[in-house]
Structure formats: C-alpha cells, structure tokens
Amino acid sequence: MSLPSSVPTCPPAVASATPTNPPSVQERAAKSAPAVSPAIAALARAEAASVQRPAPPETRPSVPAPPLPTVVAEPTTVAQSHWHDLFCDWPSSVPQRGILISKLNEASPFKAFMIRGQFLLLERTSPDSLGGRFLVIPFDEIAMVKFTDPLTQPVLEAAGFVGHLSK
C-alpha cells in the first residue's frame, strides 16, 4: 500500500543510530571485566542460559480482563429518609429558620430552604466568609438541626413530635 504524496513520511532510520540488539548484561560485563578463567566463564554462560526470559508478547496466552463491577444505586438510609421527611413535612406554623449541623461539625444558619430529590438547599442568614449565600447538602450528611425560634408543644406536635415539654 502506498501513501499519497501529500502525506508526510518518516525519514529512513540511520543504520549507525542504535543497535537493534543491545548487548546483554553478561556481554557488557565480559567486555569491561578483566580476563577470567575458562571455568568461571563457562559457569557464567551456563547461568545466563538457565535464566528464563518471558516469551514475546504475541506468543503469550491472553488473559481475559476481569469483569467490571456492576454499579448499583445506594439505597436511601433510614437517617436520610427521616431528615427528608422532616423537611418535606415542615409545618407552616414553624418558621423555616434554624441552624443545620453537618456530619463534619459545620454549623450553617439558615432562613429558608428548598428540597430537590435527596438534596437540601439552604438560604443562609448571611454570607459565609467566602461569600456563599446558599448551601446544597445531601440529607445523609445532616447530623443535627437546631431551631432558633421559640416553639410550643402544639407546634412541635404538628411537626410529628410526641411527648410532653416541661411547663
């Protein structure tokens, strides 16, 4: 197959550039080492002949690649679904304000929130030190929520809490 004349080709290799078969370690050692006795030379040749060299790549048996792992969506954790339920069923009588504490122990004060799937978007009460005004956090990274407004027992019962508060 010949290439069109417009396709550049590589220049022919120079014969004296690099030898095609570089000398082995034993051959280089033999050239640089002082003369040795014939018995030692025979022993070195026998040792070199006994070294097993790997077969060329085309004659090696092919090994099939291991199968790729099957990607399975993580199931919703119990804690994740509880936080999701709390924010989805947030009572209208409770202001959407508070302080969210992440599992990394970061406190994020918020004045409103929105939900998208397994993520919670918080509107911060003031920008953080880098100017961030909104925070998106997965429900499974929430450790705690603090309410900053005073709440009464009927309001908490509307949010699904049971029990009695002190009087």
N, C-alpha and C. Protein backbone atom coordinates (compact mmCIF):
# COMPACT_ATOMS: atom_id res chain seq x y z
N MET A 1 0.85 -1.16 0.00
CA MET A 1 0.00 0.00 0.00
C MET A 1 0.90 1.22 0.00
N SER A 2 0.66 2.12 -0.89
CA SER A 2 1.49 3.33 -0.96
C SER A 2 0.68 4.51 -0.47
N LEU A 3 1.35 5.44 0.16
CA LEU A 3 0.70 6.62 0.70
C LEU A 3 0.66 7.71 -0.35
N PRO A 4 -0.35 8.55 -0.33
CA PRO A 4 -0.38 9.68 -1.26
C PRO A 4 0.82 10.58 -0.99
N SER A 5 1.23 11.31 -2.00
CA SER A 5 2.42 12.14 -1.86
C SER A 5 2.22 13.29 -0.88
N SER A 6 0.98 13.64 -0.56
CA SER A 6 0.75 14.73 0.38
C SER A 6 0.92 14.31 1.84
N VAL A 7 0.97 13.00 2.12
CA VAL A 7 1.11 12.52 3.49
C VAL A 7 2.60 12.48 3.84
N PRO A 8 3.01 13.20 4.89
CA PRO A 8 4.43 13.17 5.25
C PRO A 8 4.82 11.80 5.78
N THR A 9 6.02 11.39 5.47
CA THR A 9 6.52 10.11 5.95
C THR A 9 7.72 10.34 6.83
N CYS A 10 8.05 9.36 7.63
CA CYS A 10 9.21 9.47 8.50
C CYS A 10 10.47 9.24 7.68
N PRO A 11 11.58 9.92 8.01
CA PRO A 11 12.82 9.67 7.28
C PRO A 11 13.32 8.27 7.58
N PRO A 12 14.06 7.67 6.66
CA PRO A 12 14.57 6.32 6.92
C PRO A 12 15.53 6.33 8.10
N ALA A 13 15.56 5.24 8.82
CA ALA A 13 16.40 5.14 10.00
C ALA A 13 17.87 5.10 9.60
N VAL A 14 18.70 5.72 10.39
CA VAL A 14 20.14 5.71 10.15
C VAL A 14 20.69 4.42 10.74
N ALA A 15 21.51 3.73 9.96
CA ALA A 15 22.00 2.41 10.38
C ALA A 15 22.87 2.48 11.61
N SER A 16 23.58 3.56 11.81
CA SER A 16 24.50 3.63 12.93
C SER A 16 23.89 4.26 14.17
N ALA A 17 22.59 4.57 14.18
CA ALA A 17 21.98 5.27 15.30
C ALA A 17 22.00 4.43 16.57
N THR A 18 21.27 3.33 16.61
CA THR A 18 21.18 2.48 17.79
C THR A 18 21.22 1.04 17.35
N PRO A 19 21.97 0.19 18.01
CA PRO A 19 21.97 -1.22 17.61
C PRO A 19 20.60 -1.82 17.89
N THR A 20 20.19 -2.74 17.03
CA THR A 20 18.87 -3.35 17.19
C THR A 20 18.84 -4.31 18.36
N ASN A 21 19.94 -4.96 18.66
CA ASN A 21 20.01 -5.88 19.79
C ASN A 21 21.08 -5.37 20.75
N PRO A 22 20.69 -4.68 21.80
CA PRO A 22 21.70 -4.18 22.73
C PRO A 22 22.38 -5.35 23.42
N PRO A 23 23.64 -5.18 23.79
CA PRO A 23 24.36 -6.30 24.43
C PRO A 23 23.74 -6.63 25.78
N SER A 24 23.79 -7.91 26.14
CA SER A 24 23.24 -8.35 27.42
C SER A 24 24.17 -7.90 28.55
N VAL A 25 23.69 -8.06 29.75
CA VAL A 25 24.47 -7.68 30.92
C VAL A 25 25.77 -8.48 30.97
N GLN A 26 25.69 -9.78 30.64
CA GLN A 26 26.88 -10.62 30.68
C GLN A 26 27.89 -10.18 29.62
N GLU A 27 27.40 -9.83 28.42
CA GLU A 27 28.31 -9.40 27.35
C GLU A 27 29.01 -8.10 27.72
N ARG A 28 28.26 -7.16 28.30
CA ARG A 28 28.88 -5.90 28.73
C ARG A 28 29.89 -6.15 29.84
N ALA A 29 29.56 -7.03 30.77
CA ALA A 29 30.48 -7.34 31.86
C ALA A 29 31.73 -8.01 31.32
N ALA A 30 31.56 -8.89 30.31
CA ALA A 30 32.71 -9.59 29.74
C ALA A 30 33.66 -8.60 29.06
N LYS A 31 33.12 -7.58 28.41
CA LYS A 31 33.96 -6.60 27.74
C LYS A 31 34.72 -5.73 28.74
N SER A 32 34.07 -5.36 29.84
CA SER A 32 34.70 -4.45 30.79
C SER A 32 35.50 -5.18 31.87
N ALA A 33 35.26 -6.45 32.08
CA ALA A 33 35.93 -7.19 33.15
C ALA A 33 37.29 -7.69 32.67
N PRO A 34 38.19 -7.86 33.61
CA PRO A 34 39.47 -8.46 33.23
C PRO A 34 39.27 -9.92 32.82
N ALA A 35 40.27 -10.50 32.21
CA ALA A 35 40.17 -11.88 31.74
C ALA A 35 39.89 -12.81 32.92
N VAL A 36 38.98 -13.78 32.70
CA VAL A 36 38.63 -14.73 33.75
C VAL A 36 39.01 -16.13 33.29
N SER A 37 39.07 -17.00 34.21
CA SER A 37 39.42 -18.38 33.87
C SER A 37 38.32 -19.01 33.03
N PRO A 38 38.66 -20.00 32.20
CA PRO A 38 37.65 -20.64 31.36
C PRO A 38 36.55 -21.32 32.19
N ALA A 39 36.85 -21.81 33.37
CA ALA A 39 35.83 -22.47 34.21
C ALA A 39 34.80 -21.46 34.68
N ILE A 40 35.24 -20.26 35.08
CA ILE A 40 34.31 -19.23 35.53
C ILE A 40 33.48 -18.73 34.35
N ALA A 41 34.10 -18.58 33.19
CA ALA A 41 33.37 -18.14 32.00
C ALA A 41 32.30 -19.15 31.62
N ALA A 42 32.63 -20.46 31.70
CA ALA A 42 31.65 -21.50 31.38
C ALA A 42 30.50 -21.48 32.37
N LEU A 43 30.81 -21.26 33.63
CA LEU A 43 29.77 -21.18 34.65
C LEU A 43 28.86 -19.98 34.40
N ALA A 44 29.41 -18.83 34.01
CA ALA A 44 28.61 -17.64 33.72
C ALA A 44 27.72 -17.89 32.51
N ARG A 45 28.25 -18.60 31.47
CA ARG A 45 27.43 -18.89 30.29
C ARG A 45 26.29 -19.84 30.64
N ALA A 46 26.57 -20.83 31.48
CA ALA A 46 25.53 -21.78 31.89
C ALA A 46 24.44 -21.08 32.70
N GLU A 47 24.86 -20.16 33.58
CA GLU A 47 23.88 -19.42 34.38
C GLU A 47 23.03 -18.52 33.49
N ALA A 48 23.65 -17.86 32.52
CA ALA A 48 22.90 -17.00 31.62
C ALA A 48 21.92 -17.79 30.79
N ALA A 49 22.30 -19.03 30.39
CA ALA A 49 21.41 -19.86 29.59
C ALA A 49 20.24 -20.37 30.41
N SER A 50 20.42 -20.51 31.73
CA SER A 50 19.34 -21.05 32.56
C SER A 50 18.30 -20.00 32.94
N VAL A 51 18.61 -18.72 32.71
CA VAL A 51 17.66 -17.66 33.05
C VAL A 51 16.50 -17.73 32.07
N GLN A 52 15.31 -17.83 32.59
CA GLN A 52 14.14 -17.89 31.72
C GLN A 52 13.71 -16.49 31.34
N ARG A 53 13.63 -16.29 30.06
CA ARG A 53 13.18 -14.99 29.56
C ARG A 53 11.71 -15.11 29.19
N PRO A 54 10.92 -14.03 29.41
CA PRO A 54 9.50 -14.10 29.06
C PRO A 54 9.33 -14.24 27.54
N ALA A 55 8.30 -14.92 27.17
CA ALA A 55 8.01 -15.09 25.75
C ALA A 55 7.62 -13.75 25.14
N PRO A 56 7.85 -13.60 23.85
CA PRO A 56 7.42 -12.35 23.20
C PRO A 56 5.91 -12.16 23.39
N PRO A 57 5.45 -10.92 23.37
CA PRO A 57 4.03 -10.66 23.64
C PRO A 57 3.07 -11.40 22.73
N GLU A 58 3.41 -11.61 21.48
CA GLU A 58 2.47 -12.25 20.57
C GLU A 58 2.28 -13.73 20.85
N THR A 59 3.23 -14.38 21.58
CA THR A 59 3.08 -15.80 21.87
C THR A 59 2.55 -16.06 23.28
N ARG A 60 2.41 -15.02 24.09
CA ARG A 60 1.89 -15.21 25.44
C ARG A 60 0.40 -15.51 25.37
N PRO A 61 -0.08 -16.39 26.24
CA PRO A 61 -1.54 -16.61 26.25
C PRO A 61 -2.24 -15.36 26.77
N SER A 62 -3.35 -15.03 26.14
CA SER A 62 -4.07 -13.83 26.56
C SER A 62 -4.90 -14.15 27.80
N VAL A 63 -4.91 -13.21 28.70
CA VAL A 63 -5.67 -13.36 29.93
C VAL A 63 -6.87 -12.43 29.83
N PRO A 64 -8.08 -12.95 29.98
CA PRO A 64 -9.24 -12.06 29.87
C PRO A 64 -9.25 -11.04 31.00
N ALA A 65 -9.74 -9.85 30.67
CA ALA A 65 -9.84 -8.78 31.67
C ALA A 65 -10.90 -9.15 32.70
N PRO A 66 -10.70 -8.76 33.94
CA PRO A 66 -11.72 -9.07 34.95
C PRO A 66 -12.99 -8.31 34.64
N PRO A 67 -14.14 -8.86 34.99
CA PRO A 67 -15.39 -8.17 34.70
C PRO A 67 -15.50 -6.88 35.50
N LEU A 68 -16.14 -5.89 34.91
CA LEU A 68 -16.34 -4.61 35.58
C LEU A 68 -17.41 -4.77 36.65
N PRO A 69 -17.26 -4.06 37.78
CA PRO A 69 -18.29 -4.18 38.82
C PRO A 69 -19.59 -3.54 38.36
N THR A 70 -20.67 -4.11 38.81
CA THR A 70 -21.98 -3.58 38.49
C THR A 70 -22.27 -2.41 39.41
N VAL A 71 -22.67 -1.29 38.83
CA VAL A 71 -22.97 -0.10 39.62
C VAL A 71 -24.41 -0.19 40.09
N VAL A 72 -24.57 -0.13 41.40
CA VAL A 72 -25.90 -0.21 41.99
C VAL A 72 -26.13 1.07 42.77
N ALA A 73 -27.28 1.67 42.58
CA ALA A 73 -27.60 2.90 43.32
C ALA A 73 -27.69 2.58 44.80
N GLU A 74 -27.14 3.47 45.61
CA GLU A 74 -27.17 3.26 47.05
C GLU A 74 -28.60 3.40 47.55
N PRO A 75 -29.00 2.50 48.43
CA PRO A 75 -30.35 2.64 48.98
C PRO A 75 -30.41 3.85 49.92
N THR A 76 -31.56 4.38 50.06
CA THR A 76 -31.77 5.51 50.96
C THR A 76 -31.62 5.01 52.39
N THR A 77 -30.78 5.67 53.15
CA THR A 77 -30.58 5.26 54.54
C THR A 77 -31.77 5.71 55.38
N VAL A 78 -31.91 5.10 56.53
CA VAL A 78 -33.02 5.45 57.42
C VAL A 78 -32.88 6.90 57.88
N ALA A 79 -31.67 7.28 58.28
CA ALA A 79 -31.46 8.66 58.74
C ALA A 79 -31.74 9.65 57.62
N GLN A 80 -31.30 9.30 56.40
CA GLN A 80 -31.53 10.19 55.26
C GLN A 80 -33.02 10.38 55.03
N SER A 81 -33.81 9.30 55.11
CA SER A 81 -35.24 9.43 54.87
C SER A 81 -35.93 10.19 56.00
N HIS A 82 -35.42 10.09 57.23
CA HIS A 82 -36.01 10.84 58.34
C HIS A 82 -35.78 12.35 58.16
N TRP A 83 -34.56 12.74 57.78
CA TRP A 83 -34.31 14.16 57.54
C TRP A 83 -35.14 14.65 56.36
N HIS A 84 -35.25 13.83 55.33
CA HIS A 84 -36.07 14.20 54.17
C HIS A 84 -37.52 14.42 54.61
N ASP A 85 -38.06 13.49 55.41
CA ASP A 85 -39.44 13.62 55.89
C ASP A 85 -39.62 14.88 56.75
N LEU A 86 -38.65 15.18 57.61
CA LEU A 86 -38.75 16.36 58.47
C LEU A 86 -38.86 17.63 57.64
N PHE A 87 -38.00 17.77 56.64
CA PHE A 87 -38.02 19.00 55.83
C PHE A 87 -39.20 19.03 54.86
N CYS A 88 -39.61 17.86 54.35
CA CYS A 88 -40.78 17.83 53.45
C CYS A 88 -42.07 18.15 54.19
N ASP A 89 -42.19 17.68 55.44
CA ASP A 89 -43.41 17.88 56.22
C ASP A 89 -43.27 19.03 57.21
N TRP A 90 -42.42 19.99 56.91
CA TRP A 90 -42.19 21.13 57.80
C TRP A 90 -43.52 21.87 58.00
N PRO A 91 -43.99 22.03 59.24
CA PRO A 91 -45.27 22.69 59.47
C PRO A 91 -45.22 24.17 59.06
N SER A 92 -46.31 24.65 58.54
CA SER A 92 -46.35 26.06 58.11
C SER A 92 -46.26 27.01 59.30
N SER A 93 -46.63 26.54 60.50
CA SER A 93 -46.57 27.40 61.68
C SER A 93 -45.16 27.56 62.23
N VAL A 94 -44.22 26.75 61.74
CA VAL A 94 -42.83 26.83 62.20
C VAL A 94 -42.03 27.60 61.15
N PRO A 95 -41.39 28.70 61.55
CA PRO A 95 -40.57 29.43 60.57
C PRO A 95 -39.46 28.54 60.02
N GLN A 96 -39.14 28.72 58.74
CA GLN A 96 -38.11 27.92 58.11
C GLN A 96 -36.73 28.50 58.45
N ARG A 97 -36.45 28.58 59.72
CA ARG A 97 -35.17 29.10 60.22
C ARG A 97 -34.58 28.10 61.18
N GLY A 98 -33.26 28.15 61.29
CA GLY A 98 -32.58 27.29 62.24
C GLY A 98 -31.11 27.24 61.94
N ILE A 99 -30.45 26.26 62.52
CA ILE A 99 -29.03 26.03 62.31
C ILE A 99 -28.86 24.56 61.98
N LEU A 100 -28.29 24.27 60.83
CA LEU A 100 -28.03 22.90 60.42
C LEU A 100 -26.58 22.57 60.77
N ILE A 101 -26.38 21.43 61.42
CA ILE A 101 -25.04 20.95 61.76
C ILE A 101 -24.77 19.74 60.87
N SER A 102 -23.66 19.80 60.10
CA SER A 102 -23.32 18.69 59.21
C SER A 102 -22.54 17.63 59.98
N LYS A 103 -22.32 16.48 59.34
CA LYS A 103 -21.52 15.41 59.95
C LYS A 103 -20.06 15.83 60.10
N LEU A 104 -19.65 16.87 59.40
CA LEU A 104 -18.29 17.40 59.57
C LEU A 104 -18.25 18.47 60.66
N ASN A 105 -19.36 18.59 61.42
CA ASN A 105 -19.48 19.52 62.54
C ASN A 105 -19.43 20.99 62.09
N GLU A 106 -19.95 21.28 60.90
CA GLU A 106 -20.02 22.65 60.41
C GLU A 106 -21.43 23.18 60.67
N ALA A 107 -21.52 24.33 61.32
CA ALA A 107 -22.81 24.95 61.61
C ALA A 107 -23.17 25.89 60.47
N SER A 108 -24.40 25.75 59.96
CA SER A 108 -24.88 26.59 58.87
C SER A 108 -26.23 27.19 59.25
N PRO A 109 -26.25 28.46 59.69
CA PRO A 109 -27.53 29.09 59.99
C PRO A 109 -28.29 29.34 58.69
N PHE A 110 -29.60 29.10 58.72
CA PHE A 110 -30.41 29.29 57.51
C PHE A 110 -31.70 30.02 57.84
N LYS A 111 -32.26 30.70 56.80
CA LYS A 111 -33.52 31.42 56.97
C LYS A 111 -34.60 30.90 56.04
N ALA A 112 -34.27 29.98 55.13
CA ALA A 112 -35.24 29.33 54.25
C ALA A 112 -34.56 28.11 53.63
N PHE A 113 -35.37 27.21 53.09
CA PHE A 113 -34.80 26.02 52.45
C PHE A 113 -35.71 25.57 51.33
N MET A 114 -35.12 24.78 50.43
CA MET A 114 -35.83 24.13 49.33
C MET A 114 -35.31 22.70 49.23
N ILE A 115 -36.10 21.81 48.62
CA ILE A 115 -35.75 20.40 48.51
C ILE A 115 -35.72 20.00 47.04
N ARG A 116 -34.72 19.21 46.68
CA ARG A 116 -34.65 18.62 45.34
C ARG A 116 -34.13 17.20 45.50
N GLY A 117 -34.97 16.22 45.35
CA GLY A 117 -34.56 14.82 45.46
C GLY A 117 -33.96 14.55 46.83
N GLN A 118 -32.71 14.14 46.86
CA GLN A 118 -32.02 13.81 48.11
C GLN A 118 -31.12 14.94 48.59
N PHE A 119 -31.37 16.17 48.08
CA PHE A 119 -30.56 17.33 48.47
C PHE A 119 -31.42 18.41 49.11
N LEU A 120 -30.82 19.13 50.03
CA LEU A 120 -31.46 20.24 50.70
C LEU A 120 -30.69 21.51 50.36
N LEU A 121 -31.39 22.52 49.87
CA LEU A 121 -30.77 23.81 49.58
C LEU A 121 -31.14 24.75 50.70
N LEU A 122 -30.15 25.32 51.35
CA LEU A 122 -30.38 26.26 52.46
C LEU A 122 -30.02 27.66 52.00
N GLU A 123 -30.86 28.62 52.36
CA GLU A 123 -30.52 30.03 52.16
C GLU A 123 -29.94 30.51 53.49
N ARG A 124 -28.69 30.91 53.45
CA ARG A 124 -28.00 31.31 54.68
C ARG A 124 -28.53 32.65 55.17
N THR A 125 -28.46 32.88 56.48
CA THR A 125 -28.91 34.16 57.05
C THR A 125 -27.97 35.28 56.66
N SER A 126 -26.70 34.98 56.46
CA SER A 126 -25.71 35.95 55.99
C SER A 126 -24.65 35.18 55.21
N PRO A 127 -23.98 35.82 54.27
CA PRO A 127 -22.95 35.09 53.50
C PRO A 127 -21.84 34.57 54.40
N ASP A 128 -21.26 33.44 54.02
CA ASP A 128 -20.14 32.92 54.79
C ASP A 128 -18.88 33.71 54.46
N SER A 129 -17.75 33.32 55.00
CA SER A 129 -16.51 34.08 54.83
C SER A 129 -16.04 34.14 53.39
N LEU A 130 -16.50 33.23 52.55
CA LEU A 130 -16.14 33.25 51.13
C LEU A 130 -17.23 33.88 50.27
N GLY A 131 -18.32 34.33 50.88
CA GLY A 131 -19.39 34.98 50.14
C GLY A 131 -20.53 34.05 49.75
N GLY A 132 -20.49 32.80 50.20
CA GLY A 132 -21.55 31.84 49.85
C GLY A 132 -22.86 32.18 50.53
N ARG A 133 -23.92 32.32 49.75
CA ARG A 133 -25.25 32.66 50.30
C ARG A 133 -26.18 31.45 50.35
N PHE A 134 -25.87 30.41 49.57
CA PHE A 134 -26.70 29.21 49.53
C PHE A 134 -25.80 28.00 49.78
N LEU A 135 -26.40 26.96 50.32
CA LEU A 135 -25.68 25.74 50.64
C LEU A 135 -26.54 24.57 50.17
N VAL A 136 -25.95 23.65 49.41
CA VAL A 136 -26.64 22.43 49.00
C VAL A 136 -25.96 21.28 49.73
N ILE A 137 -26.74 20.49 50.44
CA ILE A 137 -26.19 19.39 51.23
C ILE A 137 -27.09 18.17 51.05
N PRO A 138 -26.49 17.00 50.89
CA PRO A 138 -27.32 15.78 50.82
C PRO A 138 -27.89 15.47 52.21
N PHE A 139 -29.07 14.90 52.22
CA PHE A 139 -29.72 14.60 53.50
C PHE A 139 -28.88 13.66 54.36
N ASP A 140 -28.10 12.77 53.75
CA ASP A 140 -27.32 11.84 54.57
C ASP A 140 -26.10 12.48 55.21
N GLU A 141 -25.83 13.75 54.94
CA GLU A 141 -24.73 14.47 55.59
C GLU A 141 -25.20 15.35 56.75
N ILE A 142 -26.49 15.34 57.03
CA ILE A 142 -27.03 16.15 58.12
C ILE A 142 -26.88 15.39 59.43
N ALA A 143 -26.30 16.05 60.42
CA ALA A 143 -26.14 15.44 61.74
C ALA A 143 -27.20 15.95 62.71
N MET A 144 -27.57 17.24 62.59
CA MET A 144 -28.47 17.83 63.58
C MET A 144 -29.09 19.10 62.99
N VAL A 145 -30.27 19.45 63.48
CA VAL A 145 -30.92 20.71 63.14
C VAL A 145 -31.32 21.37 64.45
N LYS A 146 -30.95 22.64 64.60
CA LYS A 146 -31.33 23.41 65.79
C LYS A 146 -32.38 24.43 65.38
N PHE A 147 -33.45 24.53 66.18
CA PHE A 147 -34.47 25.55 65.96
C PHE A 147 -34.07 26.80 66.73
N THR A 148 -34.11 27.95 66.09
CA THR A 148 -33.71 29.19 66.75
C THR A 148 -34.91 29.99 67.27
N ASP A 149 -36.11 29.64 66.82
CA ASP A 149 -37.31 30.33 67.28
C ASP A 149 -37.93 29.58 68.44
N PRO A 150 -38.55 30.29 69.38
CA PRO A 150 -39.25 29.59 70.47
C PRO A 150 -40.44 28.82 69.90
N LEU A 151 -40.60 27.57 70.31
CA LEU A 151 -41.67 26.73 69.79
C LEU A 151 -42.53 26.23 70.95
N THR A 152 -43.79 26.01 70.67
CA THR A 152 -44.72 25.49 71.68
C THR A 152 -45.00 24.02 71.38
N GLN A 153 -45.58 23.35 72.37
CA GLN A 153 -45.87 21.93 72.20
C GLN A 153 -46.82 21.66 71.04
N PRO A 154 -47.90 22.44 70.84
CA PRO A 154 -48.77 22.15 69.69
C PRO A 154 -48.05 22.27 68.33
N VAL A 155 -47.13 23.22 68.25
CA VAL A 155 -46.38 23.39 67.00
C VAL A 155 -45.48 22.18 66.76
N LEU A 156 -44.82 21.70 67.81
CA LEU A 156 -43.96 20.54 67.68
C LEU A 156 -44.76 19.27 67.39
N GLU A 157 -45.95 19.16 67.97
CA GLU A 157 -46.82 18.02 67.68
C GLU A 157 -47.26 18.04 66.23
N ALA A 158 -47.48 19.24 65.67
CA ALA A 158 -47.84 19.36 64.26
C ALA A 158 -46.68 18.92 63.37
N ALA A 159 -45.46 19.02 63.87
CA ALA A 159 -44.29 18.58 63.13
C ALA A 159 -44.05 17.07 63.28
N GLY A 160 -44.88 16.39 64.09
CA GLY A 160 -44.76 14.95 64.23
C GLY A 160 -44.08 14.49 65.50
N PHE A 161 -43.70 15.39 66.38
CA PHE A 161 -43.05 15.02 67.63
C PHE A 161 -44.12 14.63 68.64
N VAL A 162 -43.81 13.63 69.46
CA VAL A 162 -44.74 13.18 70.51
C VAL A 162 -44.05 13.31 71.85
N GLY A 163 -44.85 13.44 72.89
CA GLY A 163 -44.32 13.57 74.23
C GLY A 163 -44.80 14.86 74.84
N HIS A 164 -44.15 15.26 75.94
CA HIS A 164 -44.56 16.47 76.65
C HIS A 164 -43.32 17.32 76.94
N LEU A 165 -43.49 18.63 76.81
CA LEU A 165 -42.44 19.56 77.19
C LEU A 165 -42.63 19.97 78.63
N SER A 166 -41.58 20.44 79.26
CA SER A 166 -41.72 20.91 80.64
C SER A 166 -42.54 22.17 80.67
N LYS A 167 -43.17 22.43 81.79
CA LYS A 167 -44.03 23.62 81.91
C LYS A 167 -43.34 24.72 82.60
